[in-house]
Amino acid sequence: MPRLLALGVAVGVFSALFGVGGGIIAVPLLILVAGLRERQAMATSLAAIGVTALAGTIAYGALGHLDFARGALVGLPAAAGAVAGTALQQRMTGTVLSYAFAALLVGIAVALLVTR
């Protein structure tokens, strides 16, 4: 349990520090630190980020910084994409998921290094 709490703090700090969604950090940590399987890590990450997103939405909304219309224009299709992604994920092996996620992370890293 303490490892998961520390993992949550690390995800929050790095997400805020780098301005990225927590899943990009949470999924690898849930696999490496918490010992979850790929699908468990992805689902657990989404659940945790849902809680974080709700808190952030409330906080930014209270400050008047939230554009609900644009949020809905992005969020509703993203929700449909999440359902489609979950269905696609079920057709992939855990190994393929791991390699695909690693390739995504490497691609992001290369893009960041090349554009600087």
Protein backbone atom coordinates (compact mmCIF):
# COMPACT_ATOMS: atom_id res chain seq x y z
CA MET A 1 0.00 0.00 0.00
CA PRO A 2 2.75 2.56 0.81
CA ARG A 3 4.32 1.84 -2.59
CA LEU A 4 1.06 2.72 -4.33
CA LEU A 5 0.73 5.93 -2.34
CA ALA A 6 4.30 6.89 -3.26
CA LEU A 7 3.58 5.95 -6.86
CA GLY A 8 0.54 8.24 -6.83
CA VAL A 9 2.61 11.13 -5.51
CA ALA A 10 5.29 10.51 -8.15
CA VAL A 11 2.70 10.42 -10.92
CA GLY A 12 1.16 13.67 -9.70
CA VAL A 13 4.50 15.46 -9.37
CA PHE A 14 5.86 14.37 -12.74
CA SER A 15 2.55 14.99 -14.51
CA ALA A 16 2.41 18.54 -13.16
CA LEU A 17 6.14 19.12 -13.69
CA PHE A 18 6.09 18.05 -17.33
CA GLY A 19 2.48 18.96 -18.14
CA VAL A 20 1.59 15.48 -19.35
CA GLY A 21 -1.29 13.16 -18.67
CA GLY A 22 -0.60 10.89 -15.73
CA GLY A 23 -1.07 7.68 -17.71
CA ILE A 24 2.17 8.13 -19.59
CA ILE A 25 3.93 7.94 -16.23
CA ALA A 26 1.50 5.78 -14.25
CA VAL A 27 1.33 2.81 -16.61
CA PRO A 28 5.07 2.03 -16.61
CA LEU A 29 5.28 2.59 -12.85
CA LEU A 30 2.27 0.36 -12.17
CA ILE A 31 3.94 -2.38 -14.21
CA LEU A 32 7.47 -1.93 -12.83
CA VAL A 33 6.78 -0.90 -9.23
CA ALA A 34 3.37 -2.36 -8.42
CA GLY A 35 3.82 -5.53 -10.48
CA LEU A 36 0.56 -5.18 -12.40
CA ARG A 37 0.02 -6.80 -15.79
CA GLU A 38 -0.31 -4.52 -18.80
CA ARG A 39 -4.11 -4.50 -18.95
CA GLN A 40 -4.43 -4.04 -15.19
CA ALA A 41 -1.96 -1.15 -15.27
CA MET A 42 -3.79 0.58 -18.11
CA ALA A 43 -7.21 0.19 -16.51
CA THR A 44 -5.94 1.21 -13.07
CA SER A 45 -4.21 4.24 -14.56
CA LEU A 46 -7.43 5.36 -16.26
CA ALA A 47 -9.36 5.02 -13.00
CA ALA A 48 -6.75 7.02 -11.08
CA ILE A 49 -6.58 9.69 -13.76
CA GLY A 50 -10.37 9.96 -13.75
CA VAL A 51 -10.23 10.96 -10.10
CA THR A 52 -7.41 13.42 -10.78
CA ALA A 53 -9.19 14.87 -13.81
CA LEU A 54 -12.38 15.40 -11.81
CA ALA A 55 -10.46 17.24 -9.08
CA GLY A 56 -8.65 19.40 -11.64
CA THR A 57 -11.87 20.14 -13.49
CA ILE A 58 -13.56 21.30 -10.30
CA ALA A 59 -10.55 23.42 -9.27
CA TYR A 60 -10.09 25.08 -12.66
CA GLY A 61 -13.84 25.53 -13.02
CA ALA A 62 -13.99 27.31 -9.67
CA LEU A 63 -11.24 29.66 -10.87
CA GLY A 64 -13.12 30.39 -14.09
CA HIS A 65 -10.44 28.88 -16.34
CA LEU A 66 -12.51 26.05 -17.76
CA ASP A 67 -14.04 26.19 -21.24
CA PHE A 68 -16.82 23.63 -20.86
CA ALA A 69 -17.82 23.70 -24.54
CA ARG A 70 -14.32 22.96 -25.82
CA GLY A 71 -13.83 20.44 -23.05
CA ALA A 72 -16.94 18.61 -24.24
CA LEU A 73 -15.83 18.84 -27.89
CA VAL A 74 -12.59 17.09 -26.98
CA GLY A 75 -13.86 14.93 -24.13
CA LEU A 76 -16.86 13.27 -25.75
CA PRO A 77 -14.97 11.95 -28.78
CA ALA A 78 -12.12 10.98 -26.43
CA ALA A 79 -14.58 8.92 -24.39
CA ALA A 80 -15.70 7.13 -27.55
CA GLY A 81 -12.03 6.61 -28.45
CA ALA A 82 -11.41 5.10 -25.02
CA VAL A 83 -14.18 2.56 -25.58
CA ALA A 84 -12.76 1.73 -29.02
CA GLY A 85 -9.22 1.52 -27.62
CA THR A 86 -10.36 -0.86 -24.90
CA ALA A 87 -11.99 -3.12 -27.49
CA LEU A 88 -8.83 -3.03 -29.63
CA GLN A 89 -6.66 -3.76 -26.59
CA GLN A 90 -8.60 -6.96 -25.91
CA ARG A 91 -7.45 -8.30 -29.27
CA MET A 92 -3.77 -7.77 -28.46
CA THR A 93 -1.46 -9.92 -26.37
CA GLY A 94 0.22 -8.46 -23.31
CA THR A 95 3.56 -8.60 -25.11
CA VAL A 96 2.23 -6.67 -28.09
CA LEU A 97 0.73 -4.09 -25.71
CA SER A 98 4.08 -3.68 -23.94
CA TYR A 99 5.97 -3.23 -27.20
CA ALA A 100 3.36 -0.84 -28.59
CA PHE A 101 3.43 1.29 -25.44
CA ALA A 102 7.24 1.27 -25.37
CA ALA A 103 7.29 2.30 -29.05
CA LEU A 104 4.90 5.16 -28.25
CA LEU A 105 7.18 6.36 -25.43
CA VAL A 106 10.29 6.12 -27.63
CA GLY A 107 8.50 7.95 -30.44
CA ILE A 108 7.51 10.75 -28.09
CA ALA A 109 11.06 10.96 -26.72
CA VAL A 110 12.59 11.12 -30.21
CA ALA A 111 10.08 13.76 -31.33
CA LEU A 112 10.88 15.89 -28.29
CA LEU A 113 14.63 15.60 -28.86
CA VAL A 114 14.45 16.28 -32.60
CA THR A 115 12.21 19.34 -32.31
CA ARG A 116 14.51 21.04 -29.81
